[in-house]
Amino acid sequence: QYMDYLARITRRPDVCGGEPVIIGTRVTLRTVLASLAEGASIPEIVLDFPTLTESDVRCVIAYAAASAVEDLPQSGVPALS
């Protein structure tokens, strides 16, 4: 199933200094990802940030995964000169 995460994420200069946030909130993607990295579950994040839904958190994860794919190094070993 395709997740349209971009429909839930915005970046505006007048909201949180232009960091990406979940639309309609001031919760940054960085905040959600930090919570996940610290071991918080999706239900715990929703309890900590009541303006978010589980779907919002999954959109953050999908956005991060798509961003990571763009930044991954090329596979293989570089040739020595």
N, C-alpha and C. Protein backbone atom coordinates (compact mmCIF):
# COMPACT_ATOMS: atom_id res chain seq x y z
N GLN A 1 0.84 -1.18 0.00
CA GLN A 1 0.00 0.00 0.00
C GLN A 1 0.88 1.24 0.00
N TYR A 2 0.59 2.16 -0.90
CA TYR A 2 1.35 3.39 -1.06
C TYR A 2 0.97 4.40 0.02
N MET A 3 1.96 5.02 0.65
CA MET A 3 1.71 6.03 1.67
C MET A 3 2.12 7.38 1.10
N ASP A 4 1.19 8.29 0.99
CA ASP A 4 1.47 9.64 0.48
C ASP A 4 1.93 10.52 1.64
N TYR A 5 3.17 10.29 2.09
CA TYR A 5 3.66 11.01 3.26
C TYR A 5 3.80 12.50 3.00
N LEU A 6 4.02 12.89 1.76
CA LEU A 6 4.18 14.32 1.48
C LEU A 6 2.89 15.11 1.67
N ALA A 7 1.76 14.41 1.66
CA ALA A 7 0.48 15.09 1.90
C ALA A 7 0.32 15.48 3.37
N ARG A 8 1.16 14.93 4.25
CA ARG A 8 1.07 15.20 5.69
C ARG A 8 2.23 16.02 6.22
N ILE A 9 3.19 16.35 5.35
CA ILE A 9 4.39 17.05 5.80
C ILE A 9 4.51 18.38 5.06
N THR A 10 4.89 19.41 5.80
CA THR A 10 5.09 20.72 5.19
C THR A 10 6.35 21.35 5.74
N ARG A 11 6.84 22.31 5.02
CA ARG A 11 8.00 23.09 5.46
C ARG A 11 7.71 24.54 5.10
N ARG A 12 7.53 25.35 6.15
CA ARG A 12 7.23 26.78 5.94
C ARG A 12 8.18 27.61 6.78
N PRO A 13 8.68 28.70 6.23
CA PRO A 13 9.64 29.51 6.98
C PRO A 13 9.07 30.10 8.26
N ASP A 14 7.76 30.26 8.33
CA ASP A 14 7.14 30.88 9.52
C ASP A 14 6.72 29.85 10.58
N VAL A 15 7.02 28.58 10.35
CA VAL A 15 6.68 27.54 11.33
C VAL A 15 7.96 26.77 11.69
N CYS A 16 8.33 26.81 12.94
CA CYS A 16 9.50 26.08 13.46
C CYS A 16 10.77 26.34 12.65
N GLY A 17 10.95 27.58 12.24
CA GLY A 17 12.16 27.97 11.54
C GLY A 17 12.36 27.29 10.20
N GLY A 18 11.27 26.81 9.60
CA GLY A 18 11.37 26.18 8.29
C GLY A 18 11.68 24.69 8.32
N GLU A 19 11.78 24.12 9.54
CA GLU A 19 11.99 22.66 9.61
C GLU A 19 10.72 21.95 9.16
N PRO A 20 10.85 20.76 8.58
CA PRO A 20 9.65 20.02 8.19
C PRO A 20 8.84 19.61 9.43
N VAL A 21 7.54 19.81 9.34
CA VAL A 21 6.61 19.47 10.42
C VAL A 21 5.42 18.71 9.84
N ILE A 22 4.69 18.06 10.73
CA ILE A 22 3.41 17.46 10.35
C ILE A 22 2.42 18.60 10.18
N ILE A 23 1.71 18.59 9.06
CA ILE A 23 0.75 19.66 8.76
C ILE A 23 -0.23 19.84 9.91
N GLY A 24 -0.47 21.09 10.28
CA GLY A 24 -1.43 21.41 11.34
C GLY A 24 -0.84 21.33 12.74
N THR A 25 0.47 21.04 12.82
CA THR A 25 1.12 20.95 14.13
C THR A 25 2.41 21.75 14.10
N ARG A 26 3.05 21.82 15.24
CA ARG A 26 4.39 22.39 15.33
C ARG A 26 5.38 21.29 15.74
N VAL A 27 5.02 20.05 15.46
CA VAL A 27 5.87 18.92 15.79
C VAL A 27 6.78 18.64 14.59
N THR A 28 8.08 18.77 14.81
CA THR A 28 9.03 18.57 13.71
C THR A 28 9.29 17.08 13.47
N LEU A 29 9.67 16.79 12.25
CA LEU A 29 10.05 15.41 11.93
C LEU A 29 11.25 15.01 12.76
N ARG A 30 12.17 15.94 13.00
CA ARG A 30 13.35 15.66 13.81
C ARG A 30 12.95 15.21 15.22
N THR A 31 11.93 15.83 15.79
CA THR A 31 11.45 15.47 17.12
C THR A 31 10.90 14.05 17.14
N VAL A 32 10.09 13.72 16.13
CA VAL A 32 9.51 12.38 16.06
C VAL A 32 10.60 11.34 15.86
N LEU A 33 11.54 11.62 14.97
CA LEU A 33 12.63 10.66 14.72
C LEU A 33 13.51 10.49 15.95
N ALA A 34 13.75 11.57 16.69
CA ALA A 34 14.54 11.46 17.92
C ALA A 34 13.83 10.58 18.94
N SER A 35 12.51 10.73 19.04
CA SER A 35 11.74 9.89 19.97
C SER A 35 11.85 8.42 19.57
N LEU A 36 11.74 8.14 18.28
CA LEU A 36 11.88 6.76 17.81
C LEU A 36 13.29 6.23 18.10
N ALA A 37 14.30 7.06 17.87
CA ALA A 37 15.68 6.64 18.11
C ALA A 37 15.93 6.35 19.58
N GLU A 38 15.21 7.03 20.46
CA GLU A 38 15.35 6.80 21.90
C GLU A 38 14.58 5.57 22.36
N GLY A 39 13.82 4.94 21.44
CA GLY A 39 13.12 3.71 21.77
C GLY A 39 11.63 3.85 22.01
N ALA A 40 11.09 5.05 21.80
CA ALA A 40 9.65 5.24 22.00
C ALA A 40 8.88 4.50 20.92
N SER A 41 7.75 3.93 21.30
CA SER A 41 6.88 3.26 20.33
C SER A 41 5.96 4.31 19.70
N ILE A 42 5.32 3.93 18.62
CA ILE A 42 4.39 4.85 17.97
C ILE A 42 3.28 5.26 18.93
N PRO A 43 2.63 4.33 19.66
CA PRO A 43 1.60 4.76 20.62
C PRO A 43 2.14 5.72 21.69
N GLU A 44 3.39 5.51 22.13
CA GLU A 44 3.97 6.42 23.12
C GLU A 44 4.17 7.82 22.54
N ILE A 45 4.58 7.88 21.29
CA ILE A 45 4.78 9.19 20.65
C ILE A 45 3.45 9.91 20.52
N VAL A 46 2.41 9.18 20.15
CA VAL A 46 1.08 9.80 20.02
C VAL A 46 0.59 10.29 21.38
N LEU A 47 0.91 9.57 22.44
CA LEU A 47 0.54 10.05 23.79
C LEU A 47 1.33 11.30 24.16
N ASP A 48 2.61 11.34 23.79
CA ASP A 48 3.44 12.51 24.09
C ASP A 48 3.07 13.73 23.27
N PHE A 49 2.59 13.51 22.06
CA PHE A 49 2.23 14.59 21.14
C PHE A 49 0.80 14.37 20.65
N PRO A 50 -0.19 14.79 21.43
CA PRO A 50 -1.60 14.47 21.11
C PRO A 50 -2.11 15.04 19.79
N THR A 51 -1.37 15.97 19.19
CA THR A 51 -1.80 16.48 17.88
C THR A 51 -1.45 15.52 16.75
N LEU A 52 -0.66 14.48 17.07
CA LEU A 52 -0.27 13.51 16.05
C LEU A 52 -1.15 12.27 16.09
N THR A 53 -1.22 11.60 14.96
CA THR A 53 -1.89 10.30 14.87
C THR A 53 -0.82 9.25 14.57
N GLU A 54 -1.18 7.99 14.71
CA GLU A 54 -0.24 6.92 14.35
C GLU A 54 0.13 7.03 12.88
N SER A 55 -0.81 7.41 12.05
CA SER A 55 -0.53 7.59 10.63
C SER A 55 0.50 8.69 10.39
N ASP A 56 0.43 9.76 11.18
CA ASP A 56 1.42 10.84 11.06
C ASP A 56 2.82 10.31 11.35
N VAL A 57 2.95 9.51 12.40
CA VAL A 57 4.27 8.97 12.77
C VAL A 57 4.78 8.04 11.67
N ARG A 58 3.89 7.24 11.10
CA ARG A 58 4.30 6.36 10.01
C ARG A 58 4.73 7.17 8.78
N CYS A 59 4.10 8.32 8.56
CA CYS A 59 4.51 9.19 7.46
C CYS A 59 5.92 9.73 7.69
N VAL A 60 6.23 10.07 8.93
CA VAL A 60 7.58 10.54 9.26
C VAL A 60 8.60 9.43 8.96
N ILE A 61 8.27 8.21 9.34
CA ILE A 61 9.17 7.08 9.08
C ILE A 61 9.35 6.88 7.57
N ALA A 62 8.26 6.96 6.82
CA ALA A 62 8.34 6.79 5.37
C ALA A 62 9.17 7.90 4.74
N TYR A 63 8.99 9.12 5.21
CA TYR A 63 9.77 10.25 4.70
C TYR A 63 11.25 10.04 4.97
N ALA A 64 11.58 9.61 6.18
CA ALA A 64 12.98 9.37 6.54
C ALA A 64 13.57 8.24 5.69
N ALA A 65 12.80 7.20 5.46
CA ALA A 65 13.28 6.08 4.65
C ALA A 65 13.54 6.53 3.22
N ALA A 66 12.65 7.31 2.66
CA ALA A 66 12.83 7.81 1.30
C ALA A 66 14.03 8.75 1.23
N SER A 67 14.23 9.56 2.25
CA SER A 67 15.39 10.46 2.28
C SER A 67 16.68 9.68 2.39
N ALA A 68 16.68 8.62 3.16
CA ALA A 68 17.89 7.81 3.34
C ALA A 68 18.30 7.13 2.04
N VAL A 69 17.33 6.71 1.26
CA VAL A 69 17.63 6.05 -0.01
C VAL A 69 18.40 7.01 -0.92
N GLU A 70 18.02 8.27 -0.92
CA GLU A 70 18.69 9.26 -1.76
C GLU A 70 20.13 9.50 -1.30
N ASP A 71 20.41 9.33 -0.01
CA ASP A 71 21.71 9.65 0.54
C ASP A 71 22.64 8.45 0.66
N LEU A 72 22.16 7.26 0.31
CA LEU A 72 23.00 6.07 0.45
C LEU A 72 24.15 6.12 -0.57
N PRO A 73 25.32 5.70 -0.14
CA PRO A 73 26.44 5.67 -1.09
C PRO A 73 26.23 4.60 -2.16
N GLN A 74 26.93 4.74 -3.24
CA GLN A 74 26.87 3.75 -4.31
C GLN A 74 27.43 2.43 -3.79
N SER A 75 26.86 1.32 -4.24
CA SER A 75 27.37 0.03 -3.81
C SER A 75 28.65 -0.29 -4.56
N GLY A 76 29.43 -1.17 -3.99
CA GLY A 76 30.70 -1.55 -4.61
C GLY A 76 31.87 -0.87 -3.93
N VAL A 77 33.02 -1.32 -4.29
CA VAL A 77 34.25 -0.80 -3.71
C VAL A 77 34.92 0.10 -4.73
N PRO A 78 35.30 1.31 -4.34
CA PRO A 78 35.95 2.18 -5.32
C PRO A 78 37.31 1.62 -5.72
N ALA A 79 37.67 1.84 -6.95
CA ALA A 79 38.97 1.37 -7.45
C ALA A 79 40.08 2.23 -6.88
N LEU A 80 41.19 1.59 -6.60
CA LEU A 80 42.37 2.32 -6.12
C LEU A 80 43.13 2.87 -7.31
N SER A 81 43.61 4.08 -7.17
CA SER A 81 44.38 4.69 -8.27
C SER A 81 45.84 4.41 -8.13
